[in-house]
Amino acid sequence: MTVSRSCYYEWLDSPKTEREKENEALIEILKVLFEKGRGTYGTRCLKNKLAEQGVVVSRRRIGRLMR
């Protein structure tokens, strides 16, 4: 990769962005919902369950986080 060593280490030490923090919280919620659904919930069902809780998230984002 064509990244300087100093930039790489600066990136490692940088604080997490708001989106990264949101994603981590959302992943925990998705794990709980997925386990409650006995591992059968897909993105559509998870999107509906999140909407019931007042969380608006796209199916593509849910799928990306589930990977």
PDB file of N, CA and C in Angstrom:
ATOM      1  N   MET A   1       0.846  -1.185   0.000  1.00  0.00           N
ATOM      2  CA  MET A   1       0.000   0.000   0.000  1.00  0.00           C
ATOM      3  C   MET A   1       0.885   1.238   0.000  1.00  0.00           C
ATOM      4  N   THR A   2       0.412   2.268  -0.630  1.00  0.00           N
ATOM      5  CA  THR A   2       1.224   3.476  -0.767  1.00  0.00           C
ATOM      6  C   THR A   2       0.850   4.506   0.288  1.00  0.00           C
ATOM      7  N   VAL A   3       0.913   4.093   1.558  1.00  0.00           N
ATOM      8  CA  VAL A   3       0.611   4.995   2.663  1.00  0.00           C
ATOM      9  C   VAL A   3       1.869   5.129   3.508  1.00  0.00           C
ATOM     10  N   SER A   4       2.159   6.352   3.886  1.00  0.00           N
ATOM     11  CA  SER A   4       3.360   6.531   4.696  1.00  0.00           C
ATOM     12  C   SER A   4       3.149   5.952   6.094  1.00  0.00           C
ATOM     13  N   ARG A   5       4.224   5.550   6.703  1.00  0.00           N
ATOM     14  CA  ARG A   5       4.168   4.933   8.026  1.00  0.00           C
ATOM     15  C   ARG A   5       3.561   5.884   9.054  1.00  0.00           C
ATOM     16  N   SER A   6       3.931   7.150   8.992  1.00  0.00           N
ATOM     17  CA  SER A   6       3.435   8.117   9.971  1.00  0.00           C
ATOM     18  C   SER A   6       1.922   8.316   9.845  1.00  0.00           C
ATOM     19  N   CYS A   7       1.413   8.332   8.614  1.00  0.00           N
ATOM     20  CA  CYS A   7      -0.032   8.476   8.410  1.00  0.00           C
ATOM     21  C   CYS A   7      -0.786   7.252   8.929  1.00  0.00           C
ATOM     22  N   TYR A   8      -0.216   6.087   8.736  1.00  0.00           N
ATOM     23  CA  TYR A   8      -0.849   4.861   9.223  1.00  0.00           C
ATOM     24  C   TYR A   8      -0.974   4.894  10.739  1.00  0.00           C
ATOM     25  N   TYR A   9       0.088   5.236  11.439  1.00  0.00           N
ATOM     26  CA  TYR A   9       0.049   5.263  12.893  1.00  0.00           C
ATOM     27  C   TYR A   9      -0.839   6.387  13.410  1.00  0.00           C
ATOM     28  N   GLU A  10      -0.898   7.491  12.694  1.00  0.00           N
ATOM     29  CA  GLU A  10      -1.809   8.567  13.073  1.00  0.00           C
ATOM     30  C   GLU A  10      -3.251   8.094  12.939  1.00  0.00           C
ATOM     31  N   TRP A  11      -3.539   7.349  11.885  1.00  0.00           N
ATOM     32  CA  TRP A  11      -4.880   6.803  11.668  1.00  0.00           C
ATOM     33  C   TRP A  11      -5.242   5.810  12.772  1.00  0.00           C
ATOM     34  N   LEU A  12      -4.292   4.992  13.216  1.00  0.00           N
ATOM     35  CA  LEU A  12      -4.546   4.030  14.288  1.00  0.00           C
ATOM     36  C   LEU A  12      -4.934   4.713  15.589  1.00  0.00           C
ATOM     37  N   ASP A  13      -4.301   5.854  15.872  1.00  0.00           N
ATOM     38  CA  ASP A  13      -4.536   6.566  17.126  1.00  0.00           C
ATOM     39  C   ASP A  13      -5.704   7.537  17.066  1.00  0.00           C
ATOM     40  N   SER A  14      -6.295   7.727  15.896  1.00  0.00           N
ATOM     41  CA  SER A  14      -7.383   8.698  15.764  1.00  0.00           C
ATOM     42  C   SER A  14      -8.634   8.187  16.488  1.00  0.00           C
ATOM     43  N   PRO A  15      -9.440   9.105  17.044  1.00  0.00           N
ATOM     44  CA  PRO A  15     -10.659   8.685  17.730  1.00  0.00           C
ATOM     45  C   PRO A  15     -11.699   8.164  16.732  1.00  0.00           C
ATOM     46  N   LYS A  16     -12.615   7.359  17.240  1.00  0.00           N
ATOM     47  CA  LYS A  16     -13.663   6.800  16.379  1.00  0.00           C
ATOM     48  C   LYS A  16     -14.638   7.890  15.960  1.00  0.00           C
ATOM     49  N   THR A  17     -15.130   7.777  14.740  1.00  0.00           N
ATOM     50  CA  THR A  17     -16.105   8.733  14.242  1.00  0.00           C
ATOM     51  C   THR A  17     -17.478   8.402  14.806  1.00  0.00           C
ATOM     52  N   GLU A  18     -18.409   9.330  14.638  1.00  0.00           N
ATOM     53  CA  GLU A  18     -19.772   9.116  15.109  1.00  0.00           C
ATOM     54  C   GLU A  18     -20.406   7.911  14.413  1.00  0.00           C
ATOM     55  N   ARG A  19     -20.148   7.759  13.127  1.00  0.00           N
ATOM     56  CA  ARG A  19     -20.709   6.639  12.358  1.00  0.00           C
ATOM     57  C   ARG A  19     -20.186   5.308  12.885  1.00  0.00           C
ATOM     58  N   GLU A  20     -18.899   5.245  13.209  1.00  0.00           N
ATOM     59  CA  GLU A  20     -18.320   4.017  13.759  1.00  0.00           C
ATOM     60  C   GLU A  20     -18.943   3.674  15.106  1.00  0.00           C
ATOM     61  N   LYS A  21     -19.182   4.694  15.927  1.00  0.00           N
ATOM     62  CA  LYS A  21     -19.825   4.479  17.227  1.00  0.00           C
ATOM     63  C   LYS A  21     -21.261   3.985  17.042  1.00  0.00           C
ATOM     64  N   GLU A  22     -21.996   4.603  16.100  1.00  0.00           N
ATOM     65  CA  GLU A  22     -23.369   4.179  15.806  1.00  0.00           C
ATOM     66  C   GLU A  22     -23.390   2.735  15.319  1.00  0.00           C
ATOM     67  N   ASN A  23     -22.440   2.395  14.437  1.00  0.00           N
ATOM     68  CA  ASN A  23     -22.385   1.039  13.899  1.00  0.00           C
ATOM     69  C   ASN A  23     -22.133   0.013  14.990  1.00  0.00           C
ATOM     70  N   GLU A  24     -21.253   0.324  15.934  1.00  0.00           N
ATOM     71  CA  GLU A  24     -20.970  -0.614  17.015  1.00  0.00           C
ATOM     72  C   GLU A  24     -22.212  -0.851  17.871  1.00  0.00           C
ATOM     73  N   ALA A  25     -22.946   0.229  18.176  1.00  0.00           N
ATOM     74  CA  ALA A  25     -24.168   0.094  18.969  1.00  0.00           C
ATOM     75  C   ALA A  25     -25.221  -0.692  18.183  1.00  0.00           C
ATOM     76  N   LEU A  26     -25.318  -0.410  16.898  1.00  0.00           N
ATOM     77  CA  LEU A  26     -26.293  -1.091  16.053  1.00  0.00           C
ATOM     78  C   LEU A  26     -25.964  -2.574  15.912  1.00  0.00           C
ATOM     79  N   ILE A  27     -24.699  -2.918  15.839  1.00  0.00           N
ATOM     80  CA  ILE A  27     -24.290  -4.325  15.739  1.00  0.00           C
ATOM     81  C   ILE A  27     -24.744  -5.096  16.969  1.00  0.00           C
ATOM     82  N   GLU A  28     -24.623  -4.492  18.141  1.00  0.00           N
ATOM     83  CA  GLU A  28     -25.055  -5.167  19.369  1.00  0.00           C
ATOM     84  C   GLU A  28     -26.560  -5.404  19.360  1.00  0.00           C
ATOM     85  N   ILE A  29     -27.320  -4.417  18.902  1.00  0.00           N
ATOM     86  CA  ILE A  29     -28.776  -4.569  18.814  1.00  0.00           C
ATOM     87  C   ILE A  29     -29.124  -5.660  17.805  1.00  0.00           C
ATOM     88  N   LEU A  30     -28.445  -5.663  16.662  1.00  0.00           N
ATOM     89  CA  LEU A  30     -28.703  -6.670  15.630  1.00  0.00           C
ATOM     90  C   LEU A  30     -28.399  -8.074  16.130  1.00  0.00           C
ATOM     91  N   LYS A  31     -27.328  -8.232  16.897  1.00  0.00           N
ATOM     92  CA  LYS A  31     -26.987  -9.544  17.436  1.00  0.00           C
ATOM     93  C   LYS A  31     -28.095 -10.067  18.339  1.00  0.00           C
ATOM     94  N   VAL A  32     -28.616  -9.195  19.201  1.00  0.00           N
ATOM     95  CA  VAL A  32     -29.690  -9.601  20.117  1.00  0.00           C
ATOM     96  C   VAL A  32     -30.939  -9.987  19.335  1.00  0.00           C
ATOM     97  N   LEU A  33     -31.328  -9.161  18.375  1.00  0.00           N
ATOM     98  CA  LEU A  33     -32.521  -9.451  17.578  1.00  0.00           C
ATOM     99  C   LEU A  33     -32.348 -10.730  16.767  1.00  0.00           C
ATOM    100  N   PHE A  34     -31.163 -10.929  16.221  1.00  0.00           N
ATOM    101  CA  PHE A  34     -30.908 -12.113  15.409  1.00  0.00           C
ATOM    102  C   PHE A  34     -30.988 -13.372  16.263  1.00  0.00           C
ATOM    103  N   GLU A  35     -30.462 -13.314  17.480  1.00  0.00           N
ATOM    104  CA  GLU A  35     -30.532 -14.465  18.380  1.00  0.00           C
ATOM    105  C   GLU A  35     -31.960 -14.732  18.830  1.00  0.00           C
ATOM    106  N   LYS A  36     -32.741 -13.669  19.065  1.00  0.00           N
ATOM    107  CA  LYS A  36     -34.149 -13.840  19.433  1.00  0.00           C
ATOM    108  C   LYS A  36     -34.921 -14.511  18.311  1.00  0.00           C
ATOM    109  N   GLY A  37     -34.523 -14.238  17.083  1.00  0.00           N
ATOM    110  CA  GLY A  37     -35.174 -14.835  15.918  1.00  0.00           C
ATOM    111  C   GLY A  37     -34.608 -16.205  15.587  1.00  0.00           C
ATOM    112  N   ARG A  38     -33.835 -16.772  16.493  1.00  0.00           N
ATOM    113  CA  ARG A  38     -33.227 -18.102  16.346  1.00  0.00           C
ATOM    114  C   ARG A  38     -32.373 -18.207  15.095  1.00  0.00           C
ATOM    115  N   GLY A  39     -31.757 -17.104  14.703  1.00  0.00           N
ATOM    116  CA  GLY A  39     -30.840 -17.109  13.575  1.00  0.00           C
ATOM    117  C   GLY A  39     -31.504 -17.149  12.214  1.00  0.00           C
ATOM    118  N   THR A  40     -32.797 -16.846  12.180  1.00  0.00           N
ATOM    119  CA  THR A  40     -33.504 -16.919  10.901  1.00  0.00           C
ATOM    120  C   THR A  40     -33.876 -15.553  10.336  1.00  0.00           C
ATOM    121  N   TYR A  41     -33.685 -14.493  11.099  1.00  0.00           N
ATOM    122  CA  TYR A  41     -34.067 -13.162  10.623  1.00  0.00           C
ATOM    123  C   TYR A  41     -33.108 -12.675   9.554  1.00  0.00           C
ATOM    124  N   GLY A  42     -33.679 -12.127   8.495  1.00  0.00           N
ATOM    125  CA  GLY A  42     -32.893 -11.497   7.444  1.00  0.00           C
ATOM    126  C   GLY A  42     -32.957  -9.994   7.591  1.00  0.00           C
ATOM    127  N   THR A  43     -32.502  -9.296   6.580  1.00  0.00           N
ATOM    128  CA  THR A  43     -32.446  -7.843   6.666  1.00  0.00           C
ATOM    129  C   THR A  43     -33.830  -7.210   6.723  1.00  0.00           C
ATOM    130  N   ARG A  44     -34.787  -7.783   6.032  1.00  0.00           N
ATOM    131  CA  ARG A  44     -36.138  -7.202   6.032  1.00  0.00           C
ATOM    132  C   ARG A  44     -36.774  -7.295   7.408  1.00  0.00           C
ATOM    133  N   CYS A  45     -36.687  -8.458   8.007  1.00  0.00           N
ATOM    134  CA  CYS A  45     -37.277  -8.654   9.324  1.00  0.00           C
ATOM    135  C   CYS A  45     -36.550  -7.801  10.366  1.00  0.00           C
ATOM    136  N   LEU A  46     -35.238  -7.753  10.291  1.00  0.00           N
ATOM    137  CA  LEU A  46     -34.475  -6.940  11.230  1.00  0.00           C
ATOM    138  C   LEU A  46     -34.799  -5.458  11.062  1.00  0.00           C
ATOM    139  N   LYS A  47     -34.990  -5.019   9.832  1.00  0.00           N
ATOM    140  CA  LYS A  47     -35.353  -3.628   9.587  1.00  0.00           C
ATOM    141  C   LYS A  47     -36.695  -3.323  10.229  1.00  0.00           C
ATOM    142  N   ASN A  48     -37.653  -4.239  10.104  1.00  0.00           N
ATOM    143  CA  ASN A  48     -38.971  -4.037  10.708  1.00  0.00           C
ATOM    144  C   ASN A  48     -38.894  -4.021  12.229  1.00  0.00           C
ATOM    145  N   LYS A  49     -38.099  -4.920  12.805  1.00  0.00           N
ATOM    146  CA  LYS A  49     -37.943  -4.961  14.259  1.00  0.00           C
ATOM    147  C   LYS A  49     -37.286  -3.678  14.776  1.00  0.00           C
ATOM    148  N   LEU A  50     -36.303  -3.177  14.046  1.00  0.00           N
ATOM    149  CA  LEU A  50     -35.660  -1.922  14.442  1.00  0.00           C
ATOM    150  C   LEU A  50     -36.626  -0.748  14.320  1.00  0.00           C
ATOM    151  N   ALA A  51     -37.464  -0.759  13.291  1.00  0.00           N
ATOM    152  CA  ALA A  51     -38.439   0.312  13.098  1.00  0.00           C
ATOM    153  C   ALA A  51     -39.439   0.333  14.255  1.00  0.00           C
ATOM    154  N   GLU A  52     -39.790  -0.847  14.773  1.00  0.00           N
ATOM    155  CA  GLU A  52     -40.684  -0.918  15.932  1.00  0.00           C
ATOM    156  C   GLU A  52     -40.057  -0.237  17.150  1.00  0.00           C
ATOM    157  N   GLN A  53     -38.736  -0.275  17.235  1.00  0.00           N
ATOM    158  CA  GLN A  53     -38.013   0.347  18.339  1.00  0.00           C
ATOM    159  C   GLN A  53     -37.698   1.814  18.064  1.00  0.00           C
ATOM    160  N   GLY A  54     -38.080   2.296  16.892  1.00  0.00           N
ATOM    161  CA  GLY A  54     -37.853   3.693  16.543  1.00  0.00           C
ATOM    162  C   GLY A  54     -36.501   3.975  15.911  1.00  0.00           C
ATOM    163  N   VAL A  55     -35.814   2.929  15.463  1.00  0.00           N
ATOM    164  CA  VAL A  55     -34.507   3.089  14.822  1.00  0.00           C
ATOM    165  C   VAL A  55     -34.687   2.928  13.321  1.00  0.00           C
ATOM    166  N   VAL A  56     -34.333   3.958  12.564  1.00  0.00           N
ATOM    167  CA  VAL A  56     -34.476   3.920  11.113  1.00  0.00           C
ATOM    168  C   VAL A  56     -33.113   3.624  10.488  1.00  0.00           C
ATOM    169  N   VAL A  57     -33.018   2.452   9.829  1.00  0.00           N
ATOM    170  CA  VAL A  57     -31.773   2.012   9.206  1.00  0.00           C
ATOM    171  C   VAL A  57     -32.127   1.342   7.884  1.00  0.00           C
ATOM    172  N   SER A  58     -31.281   1.512   6.879  1.00  0.00           N
ATOM    173  CA  SER A  58     -31.546   0.877   5.593  1.00  0.00           C
ATOM    174  C   SER A  58     -31.180  -0.600   5.630  1.00  0.00           C
ATOM    175  N   ARG A  59     -31.806  -1.374   4.752  1.00  0.00           N
ATOM    176  CA  ARG A  59     -31.510  -2.799   4.662  1.00  0.00           C
ATOM    177  C   ARG A  59     -30.074  -3.038   4.214  1.00  0.00           C
ATOM    178  N   ARG A  60     -29.559  -2.183   3.358  1.00  0.00           N
ATOM    179  CA  ARG A  60     -28.180  -2.350   2.884  1.00  0.00           C
ATOM    180  C   ARG A  60     -27.185  -2.179   4.032  1.00  0.00           C
ATOM    181  N   ARG A  61     -27.443  -1.210   4.888  1.00  0.00           N
ATOM    182  CA  ARG A  61     -26.554  -1.004   6.031  1.00  0.00           C
ATOM    183  C   ARG A  61     -26.636  -2.200   6.986  1.00  0.00           C
ATOM    184  N   ILE A  62     -27.823  -2.706   7.217  1.00  0.00           N
ATOM    185  CA  ILE A  62     -27.991  -3.878   8.074  1.00  0.00           C
ATOM    186  C   ILE A  62     -27.230  -5.060   7.492  1.00  0.00           C
ATOM    187  N   GLY A  63     -27.361  -5.279   6.199  1.00  0.00           N
ATOM    188  CA  GLY A  63     -26.651  -6.383   5.544  1.00  0.00           C
ATOM    189  C   GLY A  63     -25.155  -6.231   5.638  1.00  0.00           C
ATOM    190  N   ARG A  64     -24.667  -5.021   5.448  1.00  0.00           N
ATOM    191  CA  ARG A  64     -23.230  -4.771   5.528  1.00  0.00           C
ATOM    192  C   ARG A  64     -22.711  -5.040   6.943  1.00  0.00           C
ATOM    193  N   LEU A  65     -23.467  -4.626   7.948  1.00  0.00           N
ATOM    194  CA  LEU A  65     -23.050  -4.849   9.328  1.00  0.00           C
ATOM    195  C   LEU A  65     -23.155  -6.311   9.729  1.00  0.00           C
ATOM    196  N   MET A  66     -24.076  -7.035   9.125  1.00  0.00           N
ATOM    197  CA  MET A  66     -24.229  -8.461   9.438  1.00  0.00           C
ATOM    198  C   MET A  66     -23.094  -9.280   8.842  1.00  0.00           C
ATOM    199  N   ARG A  67     -22.494  -8.813   7.771  1.00  0.00           N
ATOM    200  CA  ARG A  67     -21.380  -9.552   7.175  1.00  0.00           C
ATOM    201  C   ARG A  67     -20.254  -9.617   8.150  1.00  0.00           C
TER     202      ARG A  67
END
